[in-house]
Protein backbone atom coordinates (compact mmCIF):
# COMPACT_ATOMS: atom_id res chain seq x y z
CA MET A 1 0.00 0.00 0.00
CA ALA A 2 1.32 3.43 -0.93
CA ARG A 3 2.01 5.95 1.79
CA SER A 4 0.01 9.16 2.23
CA THR A 5 3.22 11.18 2.63
CA THR A 6 6.81 10.96 1.51
CA ARG A 7 10.05 12.69 2.47
CA ARG A 8 12.18 14.73 0.10
CA THR A 9 15.36 16.74 0.52
CA VAL A 10 14.73 20.43 -0.19
CA VAL A 11 16.75 23.61 -0.11
CA ALA A 12 15.10 25.84 2.47
CA ILE A 13 15.75 29.58 2.01
CA ASP A 14 15.16 32.27 4.63
CA VAL A 15 16.25 35.68 3.36
CA SER A 16 16.11 37.12 6.89
CA VAL A 17 19.05 35.04 8.13
CA SER A 18 22.61 34.33 6.97
CA PRO A 19 23.44 31.92 5.47
CA ALA A 20 20.04 31.99 3.82
CA ALA A 21 19.94 28.48 2.36
CA ARG A 22 20.18 25.06 4.01
CA ARG A 23 19.25 21.52 3.03
CA ARG A 24 16.65 19.67 5.08
CA GLN A 25 13.99 16.95 4.86
CA ASP A 26 10.44 17.96 4.03
CA HIS A 27 7.21 15.97 4.02
CA LEU A 28 5.17 15.97 0.81
CA THR A 29 1.60 14.83 0.31
CA ALA A 30 1.45 11.73 -1.87
CA GLU A 31 -0.51 11.99 -5.11
CA GLU A 32 -1.14 8.87 -7.16
CA PRO A 33 -3.77 7.75 -9.69
CA LEU A 34 -6.63 5.52 -8.59
CA GLU A 35 -8.56 3.64 -11.24
CA ILE A 36 -12.14 2.71 -10.38
CA ARG A 37 -13.44 -0.34 -12.23
CA VAL A 38 -17.00 -1.64 -12.27
CA ARG A 39 -17.36 -5.32 -13.16
CA LYS A 40 -13.73 -5.35 -14.37
CA LYS A 41 -14.32 -2.44 -16.77
CA PRO A 42 -12.51 0.89 -16.20
CA LEU A 43 -14.91 3.68 -15.27
CA ALA A 44 -12.84 6.53 -13.83
CA VAL A 45 -9.37 7.64 -12.85
CA THR A 46 -8.76 10.18 -10.12
CA MET A 47 -5.55 11.62 -8.70
CA ARG A 48 -5.73 11.09 -4.96
CA THR A 49 -3.78 10.65 -1.75
CA PRO A 50 -3.63 6.90 -1.02
CA GLY A 51 -5.77 5.72 1.88
CA HIS A 52 -9.46 4.87 2.37
CA ASP A 53 -9.59 3.97 -1.32
CA ILE A 54 -12.61 1.69 -1.01
CA ASP A 55 -14.55 4.52 0.61
CA LEU A 56 -13.41 6.87 -2.15
CA ALA A 57 -14.70 4.51 -4.82
CA MET A 58 -18.01 3.98 -3.03
CA GLY A 59 -18.47 7.71 -2.50
CA PHE A 60 -17.71 8.40 -6.14
CA LEU A 61 -20.27 5.83 -7.33
CA LEU A 62 -22.83 7.29 -4.91
CA SER A 63 -22.31 10.86 -6.07
CA GLU A 64 -22.48 9.79 -9.72
CA GLY A 65 -25.82 8.09 -9.12
CA VAL A 66 -24.51 4.59 -9.89
CA ILE A 67 -25.40 3.30 -6.40
CA SER A 68 -27.59 4.60 -3.58
CA ARG A 69 -26.99 2.14 -0.72
CA ALA A 70 -24.37 -0.32 0.50
CA GLY A 71 -26.46 -3.26 -0.69
CA ASP A 72 -25.97 -2.14 -4.29
CA VAL A 73 -22.37 -3.37 -4.07
CA THR A 74 -21.54 -7.06 -3.83
CA THR A 75 -17.78 -6.64 -3.44
CA ALA A 76 -15.24 -3.83 -3.61
CA GLN A 77 -11.55 -4.63 -3.39
CA LEU A 78 -8.13 -3.17 -4.05
CA CYS A 79 -6.30 -4.82 -6.93
CA ALA A 80 -2.64 -4.84 -7.80
CA GLY A 81 -3.07 -3.50 -11.30
CA THR A 82 -0.22 -3.78 -13.80
CA ASP A 83 2.42 -1.69 -12.00
CA THR A 84 5.69 -3.19 -10.81
CA PRO A 85 6.15 -3.12 -7.89
CA ASN A 86 2.44 -3.42 -7.07
CA THR A 87 0.91 -0.13 -5.96
CA TYR A 88 -2.67 -1.30 -5.45
CA ASN A 89 -3.96 1.75 -7.29
CA VAL A 90 -7.05 -0.01 -8.64
CA VAL A 91 -10.42 -0.57 -6.95
CA ASP A 92 -12.66 -3.16 -8.58
CA VAL A 93 -16.36 -2.94 -7.70
CA VAL A 94 -18.90 -5.65 -8.41
CA LEU A 95 -22.48 -4.37 -8.39
CA ASP A 96 -25.47 -6.37 -7.28
CA PRO A 97 -27.14 -7.99 -10.33
CA SER A 98 -30.21 -5.80 -9.74
CA VAL A 99 -28.18 -2.58 -10.21
CA PRO A 100 -27.90 -1.32 -13.80
CA PRO A 101 -24.32 -0.82 -15.00
CA PRO A 102 -23.12 2.78 -15.23
CA VAL A 103 -24.00 4.48 -18.49
CA THR A 104 -20.86 5.66 -20.25
CA ASP A 105 -21.30 8.64 -22.54
CA PRO A 106 -18.54 9.30 -25.11
CA SER A 107 -19.05 13.04 -24.55
CA ARG A 108 -18.44 12.64 -20.82
CA ASN A 109 -14.92 12.31 -19.54
CA PHE A 110 -14.72 10.40 -16.25
CA TYR A 111 -11.04 11.31 -15.80
CA THR A 112 -10.74 13.60 -12.81
CA THR A 113 -7.87 15.51 -11.27
CA SER A 114 -7.01 16.35 -7.68
CA SER A 115 -8.27 19.89 -8.17
CA CYS A 116 -11.60 19.42 -9.91
CA GLY A 117 -13.63 16.29 -10.36
CA VAL A 118 -16.08 17.94 -12.75
CA CYS A 119 -13.45 19.06 -15.26
CA GLY A 120 -13.99 17.35 -18.60
CA LYS A 121 -17.77 16.93 -18.31
CA ALA A 122 -19.47 17.91 -21.56
CA SER A 123 -22.04 20.13 -19.87
CA ILE A 124 -23.39 21.02 -16.46
CA ASP A 125 -26.53 19.04 -17.27
CA ALA A 126 -24.47 15.86 -17.38
CA VAL A 127 -23.69 16.12 -13.66
CA ARG A 128 -27.05 17.37 -12.37
CA VAL A 129 -27.93 13.95 -10.99
CA ARG A 130 -31.10 13.88 -8.93
CA SER A 131 -30.76 12.67 -5.38
CA HIS A 132 -32.88 9.96 -3.83
CA PHE A 133 -33.22 12.12 -0.71
CA ASP A 134 -35.36 15.18 0.00
CA VAL A 135 -33.07 17.40 2.05
CA SER A 136 -35.51 20.32 1.91
CA ALA A 137 -37.66 18.56 4.53
CA ASP A 138 -34.80 18.13 7.01
CA PRO A 139 -35.72 20.07 10.19
CA MET A 140 -32.12 20.40 11.44
CA ARG A 141 -31.14 23.67 13.11
CA VAL A 142 -27.61 24.72 14.06
CA PRO A 143 -26.70 27.73 16.24
CA ALA A 144 -24.45 30.17 14.40
CA ARG A 145 -21.97 30.23 17.28
CA LEU A 146 -21.62 26.44 17.18
CA LEU A 147 -21.20 26.51 13.40
CA ALA A 148 -18.48 29.15 13.68
CA GLY A 149 -16.39 26.84 15.86
CA LEU A 150 -16.39 23.87 13.48
CA PRO A 151 -13.39 24.93 11.33
CA GLU A 152 -11.16 24.91 14.40
CA LYS A 153 -12.33 21.38 15.24
CA LEU A 154 -11.69 20.30 11.67
CA ARG A 155 -8.20 21.79 11.63
CA ALA A 156 -7.31 20.25 14.99
CA ALA A 157 -8.14 16.78 13.62
CA GLN A 158 -6.03 17.14 10.45
CA ARG A 159 -3.01 15.03 11.38
CA THR A 160 -1.41 14.73 7.95
CA PHE A 161 -1.87 18.43 7.19
CA ASP A 162 0.37 19.24 10.14
CA ARG A 163 3.27 17.47 8.41
CA THR A 164 2.66 18.53 4.80
CA GLY A 165 0.46 21.62 4.71
CA GLY A 166 -0.87 20.31 1.41
CA LEU A 167 -4.14 18.48 2.05
CA HIS A 168 -7.82 19.31 1.86
CA ALA A 169 -10.14 17.99 4.54
CA ALA A 170 -13.81 17.07 4.74
CA GLY A 171 -15.49 16.52 8.08
CA LEU A 172 -18.93 15.18 8.96
CA PHE A 173 -20.44 16.79 12.06
CA THR A 174 -23.65 16.31 14.00
CA ALA A 175 -25.97 19.25 14.63
CA GLU A 176 -24.48 19.36 18.13
CA GLY A 177 -20.96 19.93 16.75
CA GLU A 178 -19.58 16.41 17.26
CA LEU A 179 -17.03 15.33 14.65
CA VAL A 180 -18.20 11.96 13.30
CA VAL A 181 -15.53 11.31 10.68
CA LEU A 182 -12.76 13.26 8.92
CA ARG A 183 -10.87 12.44 5.76
CA GLU A 184 -7.92 14.21 4.11
CA ASP A 185 -6.85 14.14 0.48
CA VAL A 186 -4.90 16.18 -2.04
CA GLY A 187 -8.23 16.65 -3.84
CA ARG A 188 -11.15 18.18 -1.98
CA HIS A 189 -13.69 16.15 -3.96
CA ASN A 190 -11.80 12.97 -3.02
CA ALA A 191 -11.90 13.90 0.66
CA VAL A 192 -15.67 14.30 0.39
CA ASP A 193 -16.05 10.99 -1.48
CA LYS A 194 -14.08 9.25 1.29
CA VAL A 195 -16.47 10.64 3.90
CA LEU A 196 -19.58 9.74 1.92
CA GLY A 197 -18.27 6.28 1.05
CA TRP A 198 -17.62 5.63 4.74
CA ALA A 199 -21.15 6.76 5.62
CA LEU A 200 -22.64 4.56 2.90
CA ARG A 201 -20.73 1.47 4.04
CA GLU A 202 -21.74 2.18 7.65
CA GLY A 203 -25.42 2.29 6.64
CA ARG A 204 -25.83 5.92 7.69
CA LEU A 205 -27.51 7.29 4.57
CA PRO A 206 -29.33 9.58 4.32
CA LEU A 207 -27.17 11.87 6.46
CA THR A 208 -30.15 13.61 8.01
CA GLY A 209 -29.25 16.13 10.69
CA HIS A 210 -25.57 16.41 9.75
CA VAL A 211 -23.22 19.12 8.49
CA LEU A 212 -20.49 18.51 5.91
CA LEU A 213 -17.58 20.95 6.34
CA VAL A 214 -14.88 21.29 3.69
CA SER A 215 -11.57 23.08 4.09
CA GLY A 216 -11.62 24.80 0.69
CA ARG A 217 -14.29 26.34 -1.48
CA ALA A 218 -17.78 24.99 -2.14
CA SER A 219 -18.12 23.99 -5.79
CA PHE A 220 -21.10 22.73 -7.75
CA GLU A 221 -19.67 19.22 -7.54
CA LEU A 222 -19.31 19.21 -3.76
CA THR A 223 -22.85 20.54 -3.41
CA GLN A 224 -24.12 17.75 -5.62
CA LYS A 225 -22.21 15.15 -3.61
CA ALA A 226 -23.74 16.48 -0.38
CA TRP A 227 -27.21 16.34 -1.91
CA MET A 228 -26.71 12.77 -3.14
CA ALA A 229 -25.90 11.73 0.45
CA GLY A 230 -28.94 13.47 1.91
CA LEU A 231 -26.99 16.19 3.71
CA PRO A 232 -29.05 19.25 4.67
CA MET A 233 -26.04 21.55 5.18
CA LEU A 234 -22.73 22.11 3.39
CA ALA A 235 -20.27 24.57 4.91
CA ALA A 236 -16.95 25.77 3.50
CA VAL A 237 -14.19 27.92 4.90
CA SER A 238 -13.83 29.60 1.51
CA ALA A 239 -16.14 30.89 -1.21
CA PRO A 240 -18.93 29.05 -3.00
CA SER A 241 -19.48 29.24 -6.74
CA THR A 242 -22.63 30.61 -8.36
CA LEU A 243 -23.67 27.13 -9.48
CA ALA A 244 -23.13 25.75 -5.99
CA ALA A 245 -25.48 28.38 -4.56
CA GLU A 246 -28.07 27.75 -7.28
CA LEU A 247 -27.97 23.98 -6.79
CA ALA A 248 -28.19 24.28 -3.00
CA GLU A 249 -31.25 26.51 -3.33
CA GLU A 250 -32.83 24.08 -5.79
CA ALA A 251 -32.21 21.17 -3.41
CA GLY A 252 -33.42 22.98 -0.32
CA MET A 253 -29.94 22.68 1.21
CA THR A 254 -28.24 25.18 3.49
CA LEU A 255 -24.99 26.47 1.99
CA VAL A 256 -22.53 28.37 4.19
CA GLY A 257 -19.36 29.99 2.86
CA PHE A 258 -16.45 31.98 4.31
CA LEU A 259 -16.95 30.14 7.59
CA ARG A 260 -14.20 31.74 9.61
CA GLU A 261 -14.93 32.53 13.23
CA PRO A 262 -16.71 34.75 14.10
CA ARG A 263 -18.20 35.34 10.63
CA MET A 264 -19.91 33.43 7.85
CA ASN A 265 -22.14 34.00 4.83
CA VAL A 266 -25.27 31.91 4.35
CA TYR A 267 -26.13 31.61 0.66
CA SER A 268 -29.23 29.41 0.88
CA GLY A 269 -31.36 27.77 3.55
CA ALA A 270 -30.65 30.44 6.17
CA HIS A 271 -33.55 29.16 8.30
CA ARG A 272 -31.32 26.33 9.57
CA VAL A 273 -28.74 28.73 11.06
CA THR A 274 -30.14 30.07 14.32
CA SER A 275 -28.97 32.89 16.58
């Protein structure tokens, strides 16, 4: 199994001291390709930080509308692939016979990068997958003061970030502010897929009464992933996009951006953020 970090010798330069340059060891976040196969057929490749790869694959299939519950998957296992030495950068998923195989569209590129899982899609309509869950009916309420403190909890739980400074994080919280699960990855959409895949395998869907907090911005894709998992609230420490706000409003989801204590902006579903 590949490591999530690696060490590399760097030349560190500090112009405020003399001598300014020195050689030292630095930790780097690992980034490797993961191929997701369904019934032995390649479906997608994503650049990710190794770890929790089964959850990543399950979360990806959930957010793409291929599966909706753990029972839709018969087996999911890491495979050696063709690399030498073996890197185990392949996840092979066998769907239940009752689940239709994923529809592959020549105009739709399933290759994703660590920065943007939607890049390469032919149009925004191709990713507007309807969720099985009605998040608009979720009665969850979260006090603004409690919400403002979640980024600090997320940051405190980011163990690998402390060594590398180069990872996104996604954290699932209860309405009472309890951190349920956290995942880190070089790609923010991968971190979210790892959280959602874990929740799916644990039989926790829909994620009624929970908040998904991401360390970066809130994109259309992350909003869609949250909707597909039945999450009533998505919060981000940075900015949302226009399409993220539009999709959240359409879904009846609460979308919070620029969540940095003591401030935040609520872009949709403000009724769930209480004083």
